[in-house]
């Protein structure tokens, strides 16, 4: 749990990149409306805690 609260910057950047790649893959498949809703939720969360790469 400490890793989530105080993540290593390198690990945090790696998770951010993995999330970005996952979101891109979702863009190509599945329900479009659900993807838009999910993207909005994730985008807002990322805006609250941006990652510098």
N, C-alpha and C. Protein backbone atom coordinates (compact mmCIF):
# COMPACT_ATOMS: atom_id res chain seq x y z
N UNK A 1 0.81 -1.19 0.00
CA UNK A 1 0.00 0.00 0.00
C UNK A 1 0.86 1.25 0.00
N UNK A 2 2.02 1.22 0.64
CA UNK A 2 2.91 2.38 0.65
C UNK A 2 3.36 2.75 -0.75
N UNK A 3 3.49 1.74 -1.64
CA UNK A 3 3.92 2.00 -3.00
C UNK A 3 2.89 2.84 -3.75
N UNK A 4 1.62 2.69 -3.39
CA UNK A 4 0.57 3.48 -4.04
C UNK A 4 0.61 4.92 -3.52
N UNK A 5 0.80 5.07 -2.21
CA UNK A 5 0.81 6.41 -1.62
C UNK A 5 2.09 7.17 -1.96
N UNK A 6 3.21 6.50 -1.99
CA UNK A 6 4.51 7.12 -2.25
C UNK A 6 5.26 6.34 -3.34
N UNK A 7 4.74 6.36 -4.56
CA UNK A 7 5.36 5.55 -5.61
C UNK A 7 6.72 6.10 -6.04
N UNK A 8 7.56 5.17 -6.43
CA UNK A 8 8.83 5.54 -7.03
C UNK A 8 8.53 6.25 -8.35
N UNK A 9 9.18 7.37 -8.63
CA UNK A 9 8.87 8.11 -9.86
C UNK A 9 9.02 7.28 -11.13
N UNK A 10 10.00 6.40 -11.16
CA UNK A 10 10.20 5.56 -12.34
C UNK A 10 9.06 4.56 -12.48
N UNK A 11 8.67 3.95 -11.37
CA UNK A 11 7.55 3.00 -11.40
C UNK A 11 6.24 3.70 -11.74
N UNK A 12 6.04 4.90 -11.20
CA UNK A 12 4.83 5.66 -11.49
C UNK A 12 4.76 6.00 -12.98
N UNK A 13 5.87 6.40 -13.55
CA UNK A 13 5.91 6.70 -14.99
C UNK A 13 5.63 5.45 -15.81
N UNK A 14 6.16 4.31 -15.38
CA UNK A 14 5.93 3.05 -16.09
C UNK A 14 4.44 2.67 -16.03
N UNK A 15 3.82 2.85 -14.87
CA UNK A 15 2.39 2.57 -14.75
C UNK A 15 1.57 3.51 -15.63
N UNK A 16 1.98 4.78 -15.66
CA UNK A 16 1.29 5.76 -16.50
C UNK A 16 1.38 5.37 -17.97
N UNK A 17 2.56 4.94 -18.39
CA UNK A 17 2.73 4.52 -19.79
C UNK A 17 1.88 3.29 -20.10
N UNK A 18 1.86 2.34 -19.18
CA UNK A 18 1.05 1.13 -19.38
C UNK A 18 -0.43 1.47 -19.46
N UNK A 19 -0.87 2.39 -18.61
CA UNK A 19 -2.27 2.81 -18.64
C UNK A 19 -2.59 3.50 -19.97
N UNK A 20 -1.69 4.33 -20.43
CA UNK A 20 -1.88 5.02 -21.70
C UNK A 20 -2.00 4.02 -22.85
N UNK A 21 -1.14 3.02 -22.85
CA UNK A 21 -1.19 1.99 -23.90
C UNK A 21 -2.49 1.18 -23.83
N UNK A 22 -2.94 0.90 -22.61
CA UNK A 22 -4.19 0.17 -22.44
C UNK A 22 -5.36 0.99 -22.98
N UNK A 23 -5.38 2.26 -22.66
CA UNK A 23 -6.45 3.12 -23.15
C UNK A 23 -6.45 3.19 -24.68
N UNK A 24 -5.28 3.26 -25.27
CA UNK A 24 -5.20 3.27 -26.74
C UNK A 24 -5.76 1.97 -27.32
N UNK A 25 -5.47 0.85 -26.67
CA UNK A 25 -5.98 -0.42 -27.18
C UNK A 25 -7.50 -0.49 -27.05
N UNK A 26 -8.04 0.10 -26.00
CA UNK A 26 -9.49 0.13 -25.82
C UNK A 26 -10.17 0.97 -26.90
N UNK A 27 -9.46 1.96 -27.39
CA UNK A 27 -10.02 2.82 -28.43
C UNK A 27 -10.41 2.01 -29.66
N UNK A 28 -9.69 0.93 -29.89
CA UNK A 28 -9.87 0.14 -31.11
C UNK A 28 -10.90 -0.97 -30.97
N UNK A 29 -11.40 -1.21 -29.76
CA UNK A 29 -12.35 -2.31 -29.59
C UNK A 29 -13.41 -1.96 -28.55
N UNK A 30 -14.50 -2.70 -28.57
CA UNK A 30 -15.51 -2.55 -27.53
C UNK A 30 -16.56 -1.51 -27.83
N UNK A 31 -17.37 -1.26 -26.81
CA UNK A 31 -18.49 -0.34 -26.89
C UNK A 31 -18.00 1.11 -26.85
N UNK A 32 -18.32 1.86 -27.87
CA UNK A 32 -17.81 3.23 -28.00
C UNK A 32 -18.30 4.12 -26.86
N UNK A 33 -19.56 4.06 -26.52
CA UNK A 33 -20.09 4.91 -25.44
C UNK A 33 -19.44 4.59 -24.10
N UNK A 34 -19.30 3.31 -23.81
CA UNK A 34 -18.66 2.91 -22.56
C UNK A 34 -17.21 3.39 -22.52
N UNK A 35 -16.52 3.29 -23.64
CA UNK A 35 -15.13 3.75 -23.70
C UNK A 35 -15.04 5.25 -23.45
N UNK A 36 -15.96 6.03 -24.01
CA UNK A 36 -15.95 7.48 -23.80
C UNK A 36 -16.16 7.80 -22.32
N UNK A 37 -17.10 7.11 -21.69
CA UNK A 37 -17.37 7.35 -20.28
C UNK A 37 -16.16 6.97 -19.42
N UNK A 38 -15.56 5.83 -19.72
CA UNK A 38 -14.39 5.38 -18.98
C UNK A 38 -13.24 6.35 -19.17
N UNK A 39 -13.02 6.80 -20.39
CA UNK A 39 -11.94 7.73 -20.67
C UNK A 39 -12.13 9.03 -19.89
N UNK A 40 -13.34 9.53 -19.81
CA UNK A 40 -13.60 10.77 -19.07
C UNK A 40 -13.26 10.61 -17.59
N UNK A 41 -13.62 9.48 -17.02
CA UNK A 41 -13.30 9.22 -15.61
C UNK A 41 -11.79 9.15 -15.41
N UNK A 42 -11.12 8.42 -16.27
CA UNK A 42 -9.66 8.28 -16.15
C UNK A 42 -8.95 9.60 -16.42
N UNK A 43 -9.42 10.35 -17.40
CA UNK A 43 -8.80 11.64 -17.73
C UNK A 43 -8.88 12.58 -16.54
N UNK A 44 -10.04 12.63 -15.89
CA UNK A 44 -10.20 13.49 -14.72
C UNK A 44 -9.26 13.06 -13.60
N UNK A 45 -9.13 11.75 -13.39
CA UNK A 45 -8.23 11.24 -12.34
C UNK A 45 -6.79 11.61 -12.65
N UNK A 46 -6.39 11.50 -13.91
CA UNK A 46 -5.02 11.83 -14.29
C UNK A 46 -4.75 13.33 -14.19
N UNK A 47 -5.74 14.14 -14.45
CA UNK A 47 -5.58 15.59 -14.30
C UNK A 47 -5.37 15.97 -12.85
N UNK A 48 -5.98 15.23 -11.94
CA UNK A 48 -5.81 15.50 -10.52
C UNK A 48 -4.43 15.10 -10.02
N UNK A 49 -3.81 14.10 -10.64
CA UNK A 49 -2.50 13.61 -10.22
C UNK A 49 -1.65 13.34 -11.45
N UNK A 50 -1.20 14.40 -12.15
CA UNK A 50 -0.43 14.21 -13.38
C UNK A 50 0.94 13.61 -13.11
N UNK A 51 1.47 12.96 -14.11
CA UNK A 51 2.79 12.33 -14.02
C UNK A 51 3.73 13.06 -14.97
N UNK A 52 4.88 13.44 -14.48
CA UNK A 52 5.89 14.06 -15.33
C UNK A 52 6.81 12.96 -15.85
N UNK A 53 6.98 12.92 -17.14
CA UNK A 53 7.85 11.89 -17.74
C UNK A 53 9.04 12.57 -18.36
